[in-house]
Amino acid sequence: MSKTTPPAAGLTKPLAAYSHARKVGQLLFLAGQGCRDAKTNAYAGLSLKADGSVDRYDIEAQARAVLANIESVLKANALDRAALVDVQVFLADMNDFAGMNAVWNDFFREVPVPPTRTTVAVKALPGLNFIEMKAVAALS
């Protein structure tokens, strides 16, 4: 039996009909999280041209925002970052690996056993995200 987590204050609005998290047994599966701010809906770390297209982006700012969104979903389920057991990272450009990794290492610096991780490059991500992460957390 599984349970879908209801929308909670402080979480970004999903871009389609999906849940931020779903409990199955003793696991919590988190949907892919991007870098949008839950309050403003703005994407983190972007410089835009006059026409609204991306001039440049800051992968470290985007990675911090993604991890903050993951942490918000965890908190909505009475968990913290130490509960994460596996994270999948999707980068629009593998050249951003070092910047993402620096933010990752800082985020998990005080976690005794960081989660496992897989990082892959993808052709594109939704919206103005250059990074997305999905995760699994343990409830116990």
N, C-alpha and C. Protein backbone atom coordinates (compact mmCIF):
# COMPACT_ATOMS: atom_id res chain seq x y z
N MET A 1 0.84 -1.17 0.00
CA MET A 1 0.00 0.00 0.00
C MET A 1 0.89 1.24 0.00
N SER A 2 0.50 2.21 -0.78
CA SER A 2 1.28 3.45 -0.82
C SER A 2 0.39 4.62 -0.45
N LYS A 3 1.04 5.69 -0.07
CA LYS A 3 0.32 6.90 0.31
C LYS A 3 0.98 8.09 -0.35
N THR A 4 0.18 8.93 -1.01
CA THR A 4 0.68 10.13 -1.63
C THR A 4 0.69 11.24 -0.59
N THR A 5 1.78 11.98 -0.56
CA THR A 5 1.89 13.08 0.37
C THR A 5 1.09 14.26 -0.17
N PRO A 6 0.19 14.84 0.64
CA PRO A 6 -0.59 15.98 0.16
C PRO A 6 0.32 17.19 -0.04
N PRO A 7 -0.07 18.13 -0.90
CA PRO A 7 0.72 19.34 -1.08
C PRO A 7 0.89 20.06 0.25
N ALA A 8 2.06 20.61 0.47
CA ALA A 8 2.34 21.30 1.72
C ALA A 8 2.84 22.71 1.42
N ALA A 9 2.63 23.59 2.37
CA ALA A 9 3.13 24.94 2.25
C ALA A 9 4.65 24.89 2.11
N GLY A 10 5.20 25.76 1.30
CA GLY A 10 6.64 25.81 1.13
C GLY A 10 7.17 24.90 0.03
N LEU A 11 6.28 24.20 -0.69
CA LEU A 11 6.72 23.35 -1.79
C LEU A 11 6.36 24.00 -3.12
N THR A 12 7.20 23.80 -4.12
CA THR A 12 6.90 24.34 -5.44
C THR A 12 5.65 23.68 -6.00
N LYS A 13 4.95 24.41 -6.83
CA LYS A 13 3.77 23.85 -7.47
C LYS A 13 4.23 22.89 -8.57
N PRO A 14 3.75 21.63 -8.54
CA PRO A 14 4.13 20.69 -9.61
C PRO A 14 3.72 21.21 -10.98
N LEU A 15 4.50 20.87 -11.99
CA LEU A 15 4.22 21.31 -13.35
C LEU A 15 3.19 20.43 -14.06
N ALA A 16 2.77 19.34 -13.40
CA ALA A 16 1.78 18.41 -13.97
C ALA A 16 1.10 17.68 -12.82
N ALA A 17 0.32 16.66 -13.15
CA ALA A 17 -0.40 15.90 -12.13
C ALA A 17 0.52 14.84 -11.52
N TYR A 18 1.34 15.25 -10.57
CA TYR A 18 2.19 14.31 -9.83
C TYR A 18 2.37 14.82 -8.42
N SER A 19 2.78 13.92 -7.55
CA SER A 19 3.01 14.25 -6.15
C SER A 19 4.48 14.57 -5.93
N HIS A 20 4.74 15.43 -4.96
CA HIS A 20 6.13 15.70 -4.59
C HIS A 20 6.77 14.46 -3.96
N ALA A 21 5.95 13.68 -3.27
CA ALA A 21 6.48 12.50 -2.60
C ALA A 21 5.39 11.46 -2.46
N ARG A 22 5.83 10.21 -2.39
CA ARG A 22 4.90 9.10 -2.22
C ARG A 22 5.53 8.08 -1.29
N LYS A 23 4.80 7.73 -0.25
CA LYS A 23 5.27 6.75 0.73
C LYS A 23 4.85 5.36 0.28
N VAL A 24 5.83 4.45 0.28
CA VAL A 24 5.57 3.04 -0.03
C VAL A 24 6.37 2.24 1.00
N GLY A 25 5.66 1.53 1.85
CA GLY A 25 6.36 0.80 2.91
C GLY A 25 7.13 1.76 3.79
N GLN A 26 8.40 1.50 3.96
CA GLN A 26 9.26 2.36 4.79
C GLN A 26 10.12 3.31 3.95
N LEU A 27 9.69 3.54 2.71
CA LEU A 27 10.43 4.44 1.82
C LEU A 27 9.57 5.61 1.39
N LEU A 28 10.22 6.74 1.16
CA LEU A 28 9.58 7.92 0.62
C LEU A 28 10.27 8.24 -0.70
N PHE A 29 9.52 8.20 -1.79
CA PHE A 29 10.04 8.48 -3.12
C PHE A 29 9.74 9.94 -3.45
N LEU A 30 10.78 10.72 -3.71
CA LEU A 30 10.61 12.13 -4.03
C LEU A 30 10.65 12.32 -5.54
N ALA A 31 9.71 13.10 -6.05
CA ALA A 31 9.70 13.44 -7.47
C ALA A 31 10.92 14.31 -7.79
N GLY A 32 11.26 14.37 -9.05
CA GLY A 32 12.35 15.24 -9.47
C GLY A 32 12.09 16.67 -9.04
N GLN A 33 13.10 17.28 -8.46
CA GLN A 33 13.00 18.66 -7.98
C GLN A 33 13.90 19.55 -8.81
N GLY A 34 13.34 20.66 -9.23
CA GLY A 34 14.11 21.67 -9.96
C GLY A 34 14.48 22.80 -9.02
N CYS A 35 14.86 23.93 -9.61
CA CYS A 35 15.38 25.04 -8.83
C CYS A 35 14.41 26.20 -8.67
N ARG A 36 13.11 25.98 -8.93
CA ARG A 36 12.15 27.07 -8.75
C ARG A 36 11.92 27.35 -7.27
N ASP A 37 11.76 28.62 -6.94
CA ASP A 37 11.45 29.05 -5.59
C ASP A 37 9.96 28.85 -5.34
N ALA A 38 9.61 28.25 -4.22
CA ALA A 38 8.21 27.95 -3.92
C ALA A 38 7.36 29.21 -3.74
N LYS A 39 7.94 30.27 -3.24
CA LYS A 39 7.18 31.51 -3.01
C LYS A 39 7.03 32.35 -4.27
N THR A 40 8.10 32.48 -5.03
CA THR A 40 8.09 33.40 -6.17
C THR A 40 7.92 32.70 -7.52
N ASN A 41 8.15 31.40 -7.55
CA ASN A 41 8.13 30.59 -8.77
C ASN A 41 9.29 30.94 -9.71
N ALA A 42 10.25 31.75 -9.25
CA ALA A 42 11.41 32.14 -10.06
C ALA A 42 12.46 31.03 -10.02
N TYR A 43 13.15 30.89 -11.13
CA TYR A 43 14.25 29.93 -11.23
C TYR A 43 15.51 30.56 -10.64
N ALA A 44 16.27 29.78 -9.87
CA ALA A 44 17.49 30.27 -9.23
C ALA A 44 18.64 30.37 -10.22
N GLY A 45 19.53 31.32 -9.98
CA GLY A 45 20.81 31.38 -10.67
C GLY A 45 20.77 31.71 -12.15
N LEU A 46 19.79 32.47 -12.59
CA LEU A 46 19.68 32.79 -14.01
C LEU A 46 19.94 34.27 -14.30
N SER A 47 20.57 34.52 -15.42
CA SER A 47 20.63 35.86 -16.00
C SER A 47 19.93 35.73 -17.35
N LEU A 48 18.90 36.54 -17.52
CA LEU A 48 18.09 36.45 -18.74
C LEU A 48 18.36 37.62 -19.68
N LYS A 49 18.22 37.35 -20.96
CA LYS A 49 18.31 38.39 -21.98
C LYS A 49 16.99 39.14 -22.01
N ALA A 50 16.94 40.25 -22.72
CA ALA A 50 15.73 41.06 -22.82
C ALA A 50 14.55 40.26 -23.37
N ASP A 51 14.83 39.28 -24.24
CA ASP A 51 13.75 38.47 -24.83
C ASP A 51 13.29 37.33 -23.92
N GLY A 52 13.89 37.21 -22.71
CA GLY A 52 13.51 36.17 -21.77
C GLY A 52 14.29 34.88 -21.89
N SER A 53 15.15 34.78 -22.89
CA SER A 53 15.98 33.58 -23.02
C SER A 53 17.16 33.65 -22.05
N VAL A 54 17.75 32.53 -21.78
CA VAL A 54 18.84 32.45 -20.80
C VAL A 54 20.12 33.01 -21.39
N ASP A 55 20.70 33.98 -20.70
CA ASP A 55 22.01 34.53 -21.07
C ASP A 55 23.10 33.65 -20.46
N ARG A 56 22.96 33.38 -19.15
CA ARG A 56 23.87 32.47 -18.47
C ARG A 56 23.19 31.96 -17.21
N TYR A 57 23.74 30.89 -16.65
CA TYR A 57 23.19 30.33 -15.42
C TYR A 57 24.32 29.98 -14.48
N ASP A 58 23.99 29.91 -13.21
CA ASP A 58 24.94 29.56 -12.15
C ASP A 58 24.53 28.20 -11.61
N ILE A 59 25.29 27.16 -11.98
CA ILE A 59 24.91 25.80 -11.59
C ILE A 59 24.95 25.64 -10.08
N GLU A 60 25.84 26.33 -9.40
CA GLU A 60 25.90 26.21 -7.94
C GLU A 60 24.64 26.79 -7.30
N ALA A 61 24.16 27.92 -7.78
CA ALA A 61 22.92 28.50 -7.26
C ALA A 61 21.75 27.58 -7.55
N GLN A 62 21.73 27.00 -8.75
CA GLN A 62 20.64 26.09 -9.08
C GLN A 62 20.72 24.82 -8.22
N ALA A 63 21.90 24.29 -8.01
CA ALA A 63 22.05 23.08 -7.19
C ALA A 63 21.61 23.34 -5.74
N ARG A 64 21.99 24.49 -5.18
CA ARG A 64 21.55 24.84 -3.82
C ARG A 64 20.03 24.91 -3.74
N ALA A 65 19.41 25.50 -4.77
CA ALA A 65 17.95 25.63 -4.78
C ALA A 65 17.28 24.26 -4.90
N VAL A 66 17.84 23.38 -5.72
CA VAL A 66 17.29 22.03 -5.87
C VAL A 66 17.36 21.29 -4.53
N LEU A 67 18.51 21.35 -3.88
CA LEU A 67 18.67 20.66 -2.59
C LEU A 67 17.78 21.28 -1.51
N ALA A 68 17.56 22.58 -1.58
CA ALA A 68 16.63 23.22 -0.64
C ALA A 68 15.21 22.73 -0.89
N ASN A 69 14.83 22.54 -2.15
CA ASN A 69 13.50 22.00 -2.46
C ASN A 69 13.36 20.56 -1.99
N ILE A 70 14.42 19.78 -2.15
CA ILE A 70 14.40 18.40 -1.63
C ILE A 70 14.23 18.43 -0.11
N GLU A 71 14.97 19.30 0.54
CA GLU A 71 14.87 19.40 1.99
C GLU A 71 13.46 19.82 2.42
N SER A 72 12.81 20.69 1.66
CA SER A 72 11.43 21.10 1.98
C SER A 72 10.47 19.92 1.89
N VAL A 73 10.65 19.07 0.87
CA VAL A 73 9.80 17.88 0.75
C VAL A 73 10.06 16.93 1.92
N LEU A 74 11.31 16.78 2.28
CA LEU A 74 11.64 15.93 3.43
C LEU A 74 10.99 16.47 4.70
N LYS A 75 11.11 17.77 4.94
CA LYS A 75 10.53 18.38 6.14
C LYS A 75 9.02 18.23 6.17
N ALA A 76 8.38 18.33 5.00
CA ALA A 76 6.93 18.15 4.92
C ALA A 76 6.53 16.74 5.33
N ASN A 77 7.51 15.83 5.34
CA ASN A 77 7.28 14.44 5.73
C ASN A 77 8.01 14.08 7.01
N ALA A 78 8.34 15.10 7.80
CA ALA A 78 9.00 14.95 9.11
C ALA A 78 10.34 14.22 9.02
N LEU A 79 11.09 14.50 7.93
CA LEU A 79 12.41 13.90 7.73
C LEU A 79 13.44 15.00 7.51
N ASP A 80 14.71 14.62 7.57
CA ASP A 80 15.78 15.56 7.22
C ASP A 80 16.71 14.90 6.22
N ARG A 81 17.75 15.62 5.82
CA ARG A 81 18.65 15.14 4.77
C ARG A 81 19.34 13.82 5.10
N ALA A 82 19.48 13.52 6.37
CA ALA A 82 20.11 12.25 6.77
C ALA A 82 19.25 11.05 6.37
N ALA A 83 17.96 11.27 6.10
CA ALA A 83 17.06 10.17 5.70
C ALA A 83 17.26 9.75 4.25
N LEU A 84 17.92 10.59 3.45
CA LEU A 84 18.11 10.26 2.04
C LEU A 84 19.01 9.04 1.89
N VAL A 85 18.57 8.09 1.07
CA VAL A 85 19.37 6.90 0.82
C VAL A 85 19.90 6.84 -0.60
N ASP A 86 19.21 7.47 -1.55
CA ASP A 86 19.65 7.46 -2.94
C ASP A 86 19.17 8.72 -3.64
N VAL A 87 20.04 9.32 -4.44
CA VAL A 87 19.70 10.52 -5.20
C VAL A 87 20.19 10.34 -6.63
N GLN A 88 19.34 10.70 -7.57
CA GLN A 88 19.72 10.73 -8.98
C GLN A 88 19.80 12.19 -9.40
N VAL A 89 20.93 12.57 -9.98
CA VAL A 89 21.17 13.94 -10.42
C VAL A 89 21.17 13.96 -11.94
N PHE A 90 20.42 14.90 -12.49
CA PHE A 90 20.35 15.08 -13.94
C PHE A 90 20.92 16.45 -14.27
N LEU A 91 21.97 16.49 -15.07
CA LEU A 91 22.60 17.74 -15.49
C LEU A 91 22.38 17.95 -16.98
N ALA A 92 22.07 19.19 -17.37
CA ALA A 92 21.95 19.50 -18.79
C ALA A 92 23.31 19.55 -19.46
N ASP A 93 24.36 19.70 -18.65
CA ASP A 93 25.72 19.77 -19.19
C ASP A 93 26.67 19.15 -18.16
N MET A 94 27.35 18.07 -18.54
CA MET A 94 28.26 17.39 -17.61
C MET A 94 29.44 18.28 -17.21
N ASN A 95 29.68 19.36 -17.93
CA ASN A 95 30.70 20.32 -17.52
C ASN A 95 30.34 21.00 -16.21
N ASP A 96 29.09 20.89 -15.78
CA ASP A 96 28.63 21.47 -14.52
C ASP A 96 28.85 20.54 -13.33
N PHE A 97 29.45 19.37 -13.58
CA PHE A 97 29.62 18.38 -12.52
C PHE A 97 30.39 18.94 -11.32
N ALA A 98 31.50 19.60 -11.55
CA ALA A 98 32.33 20.10 -10.44
C ALA A 98 31.56 21.10 -9.57
N GLY A 99 30.84 22.01 -10.20
CA GLY A 99 30.05 22.99 -9.43
C GLY A 99 28.95 22.32 -8.63
N MET A 100 28.25 21.39 -9.24
CA MET A 100 27.20 20.65 -8.53
C MET A 100 27.82 19.87 -7.38
N ASN A 101 28.95 19.23 -7.64
CA ASN A 101 29.59 18.39 -6.64
C ASN A 101 30.04 19.21 -5.43
N ALA A 102 30.52 20.42 -5.65
CA ALA A 102 30.94 21.29 -4.54
C ALA A 102 29.75 21.61 -3.64
N VAL A 103 28.61 21.93 -4.24
CA VAL A 103 27.40 22.22 -3.46
C VAL A 103 26.94 20.96 -2.74
N TRP A 104 26.96 19.83 -3.43
CA TRP A 104 26.58 18.54 -2.84
C TRP A 104 27.41 18.25 -1.59
N ASN A 105 28.73 18.37 -1.73
CA ASN A 105 29.62 18.08 -0.60
C ASN A 105 29.34 18.97 0.59
N ASP A 106 29.04 20.24 0.34
CA ASP A 106 28.70 21.16 1.43
C ASP A 106 27.37 20.77 2.08
N PHE A 107 26.38 20.44 1.26
CA PHE A 107 25.04 20.08 1.77
C PHE A 107 25.09 18.85 2.66
N PHE A 108 25.92 17.88 2.30
CA PHE A 108 25.98 16.62 3.06
C PHE A 108 27.19 16.55 4.00
N ARG A 109 27.85 17.66 4.21
CA ARG A 109 29.06 17.71 5.04
C ARG A 109 28.85 17.12 6.43
N GLU A 110 27.72 17.38 7.06
CA GLU A 110 27.48 16.92 8.43
C GLU A 110 26.60 15.68 8.51
N VAL A 111 26.30 15.08 7.38
CA VAL A 111 25.50 13.84 7.37
C VAL A 111 26.47 12.67 7.53
N PRO A 112 26.30 11.86 8.59
CA PRO A 112 27.25 10.77 8.84
C PRO A 112 27.40 9.79 7.67
N VAL A 113 26.29 9.43 7.04
CA VAL A 113 26.33 8.51 5.89
C VAL A 113 25.55 9.17 4.75
N PRO A 114 26.25 9.83 3.83
CA PRO A 114 25.56 10.46 2.71
C PRO A 114 24.87 9.42 1.84
N PRO A 115 23.88 9.86 1.06
CA PRO A 115 23.17 8.92 0.19
C PRO A 115 24.06 8.46 -0.96
N THR A 116 23.67 7.34 -1.56
CA THR A 116 24.29 6.96 -2.82
C THR A 116 23.83 7.96 -3.88
N ARG A 117 24.57 8.03 -4.98
CA ARG A 117 24.22 9.03 -6.00
C ARG A 117 24.61 8.53 -7.37
N THR A 118 23.77 8.85 -8.34
CA THR A 118 24.07 8.64 -9.75
C THR A 118 23.89 9.98 -10.44
N THR A 119 24.84 10.37 -11.27
CA THR A 119 24.76 11.63 -11.99
C THR A 119 24.84 11.34 -13.48
N VAL A 120 23.88 11.86 -14.23
CA VAL A 120 23.88 11.67 -15.68
C VAL A 120 23.62 13.00 -16.37
N ALA A 121 24.12 13.10 -17.58
CA ALA A 121 23.82 14.25 -18.42
C ALA A 121 22.61 13.91 -19.27
N VAL A 122 21.74 14.88 -19.43
CA VAL A 122 20.54 14.71 -20.24
C VAL A 122 20.50 15.81 -21.30
N LYS A 123 19.74 15.59 -22.34
CA LYS A 123 19.68 16.56 -23.42
C LYS A 123 19.06 17.88 -22.97
N ALA A 124 18.01 17.81 -22.17
CA ALA A 124 17.34 19.02 -21.70
C ALA A 124 16.50 18.67 -20.47
N LEU A 125 16.14 19.71 -19.73
CA LEU A 125 15.28 19.57 -18.55
C LEU A 125 14.12 20.54 -18.69
N PRO A 126 13.03 20.30 -17.96
CA PRO A 126 11.86 21.18 -18.09
C PRO A 126 12.15 22.59 -17.57
N GLY A 127 11.44 23.54 -18.14
CA GLY A 127 11.56 24.93 -17.69
C GLY A 127 12.96 25.46 -17.92
N LEU A 128 13.44 26.24 -16.96
CA LEU A 128 14.77 26.83 -17.04
C LEU A 128 15.73 26.16 -16.06
N ASN A 129 15.51 24.87 -15.85
CA ASN A 129 16.39 24.08 -14.99
C ASN A 129 17.56 23.56 -15.80
N PHE A 130 18.74 23.65 -15.21
CA PHE A 130 19.93 23.04 -15.79
C PHE A 130 20.39 21.88 -14.91
N ILE A 131 19.62 21.63 -13.85
CA ILE A 131 19.85 20.52 -12.94
C ILE A 131 18.52 20.10 -12.36
N GLU A 132 18.35 18.82 -12.13
CA GLU A 132 17.18 18.28 -11.43
C GLU A 132 17.66 17.08 -10.63
N MET A 133 17.02 16.85 -9.49
CA MET A 133 17.37 15.69 -8.68
C MET A 133 16.09 15.00 -8.21
N LYS A 134 16.13 13.67 -8.20
CA LYS A 134 15.05 12.88 -7.59
C LYS A 134 15.69 12.00 -6.55
N ALA A 135 14.91 11.61 -5.55
CA ALA A 135 15.53 10.92 -4.41
C ALA A 135 14.60 9.90 -3.78
N VAL A 136 15.22 9.05 -2.95
CA VAL A 136 14.51 8.09 -2.12
C VAL A 136 15.02 8.29 -0.70
N ALA A 137 14.09 8.34 0.25
CA ALA A 137 14.45 8.49 1.67
C ALA A 137 13.85 7.34 2.46
N ALA A 138 14.53 7.01 3.56
CA ALA A 138 14.04 5.97 4.46
C ALA A 138 13.21 6.62 5.57
N LEU A 139 12.06 6.02 5.87
CA LEU A 139 11.17 6.58 6.89
C LEU A 139 11.57 6.19 8.30
N SER A 140 12.31 5.11 8.46
CA SER A 140 12.67 4.69 9.80
C SER A 140 14.12 5.00 10.11
